[in-house]
Each structure stands twice: as structure tokens, then as C-alpha cells.
Amino acid sequence: MRNKRIWWLLVLLVLIAGVYYWRMTYAFEVRVFETTKGWGYQIEQGGKPFIHQPIIPGIVGERGFATAEQAQKAGDLVLEKIKHRQFPPSLTAEELKSIGVEIP
């Protein structure tokens, strides 16, 4: 009976450790931040920077997003591309326009 309890405890500990390892290794998160040029986003993997994007990608000049909401939506679009293994996870002008970014 005691061996059975120890076995189940070990199984539980291994499962908890596995979930923690997966979360720290593979979990992605989008964070927005303010810059002197507007807003940007950062995609983190396991709490570490994976993509740091302080300006609007794919446009002429170095302009940040006008709002935190635009930066969040752009980061979410890029994250979806990463989750669907679409590399590089670039944003098109049409995708930027769809989230309200004005393209010059």
C-alpha cells in the first residue's frame, strides 16, 4: 500500500514538472510597450524575448504603432503565425490595415 502511494506521488510530481517545463519552454506571450516613437510589441517564449518589435514592420521609416491596442493586435497576428508554423511570421500591408494601422 505504501509503495503504491509513493508511486502515485512520483507520477504526480513528474506531471507537474512536465507542465512547468512545457510552459517555460514553449509558451508564448505578447507584451506591448511604449517607445519614443509610439508603441511596440514583444513576443516572449518562456518569459524570454523571442521577437522584439519597437516599430511597425514592413513600412518605410521608423514609426511605432499609434496605440497599445494596435501593437497588441499586431503581436497577436504574429503569434498566430508562429503557432501555425508560418515562418517568417511577417505582417502584410493588408494585415496592418485590418488592425487600423495607417500605411503611408
Protein backbone atom coordinates (compact mmCIF):
# COMPACT_ATOMS: atom_id res chain seq x y z
CA MET A 1 0.00 0.00 0.00
CA ARG A 2 2.82 2.39 0.89
CA ASN A 3 4.65 1.65 -2.39
CA LYS A 4 1.50 2.47 -4.34
CA ARG A 5 1.22 5.89 -2.66
CA ILE A 6 4.86 6.66 -3.35
CA TRP A 7 4.42 5.61 -6.99
CA TRP A 8 1.39 7.92 -7.44
CA LEU A 9 3.21 10.77 -5.74
CA LEU A 10 6.14 10.33 -8.14
CA VAL A 11 3.78 10.26 -11.13
CA LEU A 12 2.13 13.47 -9.93
CA LEU A 13 5.49 15.18 -9.42
CA VAL A 14 6.66 14.16 -12.90
CA LEU A 15 3.44 15.52 -14.44
CA ILE A 16 3.79 18.83 -12.58
CA ALA A 17 7.43 19.14 -13.63
CA GLY A 18 6.50 18.35 -17.24
CA VAL A 19 3.79 21.01 -17.35
CA TYR A 20 6.16 23.56 -15.80
CA TYR A 21 8.90 22.70 -18.30
CA TRP A 22 6.48 22.95 -21.24
CA ARG A 23 5.16 26.31 -20.05
CA MET A 24 8.65 27.76 -19.60
CA THR A 25 9.94 26.35 -22.89
CA TYR A 26 7.10 26.59 -25.36
CA ALA A 27 4.54 29.05 -24.01
CA PHE A 28 4.43 32.32 -25.92
CA GLU A 29 3.09 35.64 -24.70
CA VAL A 30 2.63 39.06 -26.31
CA ARG A 31 3.60 42.16 -24.34
CA VAL A 32 3.21 45.74 -25.52
CA PHE A 33 5.47 48.61 -24.54
CA GLU A 34 5.67 52.34 -25.16
CA THR A 35 8.60 53.87 -27.01
CA THR A 36 9.57 57.39 -28.01
CA LYS A 37 8.09 56.62 -31.46
CA GLY A 38 4.78 55.13 -30.30
CA TRP A 39 4.01 51.58 -29.25
CA GLY A 40 5.72 48.28 -29.95
CA TYR A 41 5.28 44.64 -29.06
CA GLN A 42 7.46 41.82 -27.85
CA ILE A 43 6.75 38.13 -28.17
CA GLU A 44 8.23 36.16 -25.33
CA GLN A 45 8.85 32.45 -25.14
CA GLY A 46 9.06 31.10 -21.64
CA GLY A 47 9.46 34.64 -20.31
CA LYS A 48 12.41 35.41 -22.60
CA PRO A 49 12.32 37.76 -25.62
CA PHE A 50 11.72 35.91 -28.90
CA ILE A 51 10.72 38.85 -31.16
CA HIS A 52 11.25 42.48 -30.16
CA GLN A 53 9.38 44.86 -32.47
CA PRO A 54 9.59 48.53 -31.41
CA ILE A 55 8.40 49.88 -34.79
CA ILE A 56 5.75 48.99 -37.36
CA PRO A 57 7.26 46.24 -39.53
CA GLY A 58 7.34 46.45 -43.30
CA ILE A 59 6.80 50.16 -43.78
CA VAL A 60 9.13 52.94 -44.84
CA GLY A 61 10.55 54.85 -41.88
CA GLU A 62 10.69 54.07 -38.21
CA ARG A 63 7.24 54.64 -36.80
CA GLY A 64 5.72 52.96 -33.78
CA PHE A 65 2.12 51.83 -33.57
CA ALA A 66 -0.27 54.69 -32.75
CA THR A 67 -1.91 52.83 -29.84
CA ALA A 68 -1.20 49.98 -27.47
CA GLU A 69 -4.25 48.23 -28.94
CA GLN A 70 -2.73 48.26 -32.45
CA ALA A 71 0.56 46.91 -31.10
CA GLN A 72 -1.31 44.16 -29.22
CA LYS A 73 -3.30 43.17 -32.32
CA ALA A 74 -0.14 43.09 -34.44
CA GLY A 75 1.62 40.94 -31.85
CA ASP A 76 -1.39 38.62 -31.70
CA LEU A 77 -1.32 38.22 -35.51
CA VAL A 78 2.39 37.37 -35.43
CA LEU A 79 1.83 34.92 -32.58
CA GLU A 80 -0.89 33.15 -34.58
CA LYS A 81 1.54 32.76 -37.47
CA ILE A 82 4.15 31.31 -35.10
CA LYS A 83 1.62 28.85 -33.66
CA HIS A 84 0.72 27.76 -37.21
CA ARG A 85 4.43 27.40 -38.04
CA GLN A 86 4.34 30.13 -40.67
CA PHE A 87 7.88 31.47 -40.96
CA PRO A 88 8.86 34.15 -41.21
CA PRO A 89 5.83 35.48 -39.31
CA SER A 90 5.77 38.72 -41.31
CA LEU A 91 2.79 41.06 -41.47
CA THR A 92 1.48 42.26 -44.81
CA ALA A 93 0.26 45.78 -45.53
CA GLU A 94 -3.28 44.37 -45.73
CA GLU A 95 -2.97 42.77 -42.29
CA LEU A 96 -1.66 46.01 -40.83
CA LYS A 97 -4.56 47.94 -42.39
CA SER A 98 -7.03 45.40 -40.99
CA ILE A 99 -5.99 46.33 -37.44
CA GLY A 100 -6.24 50.06 -38.11
CA VAL A 101 -2.63 50.92 -38.95
CA GLU A 102 -2.41 53.74 -41.50
CA ILE A 103 0.14 52.89 -44.18
CA PRO A 104 1.70 55.92 -45.91
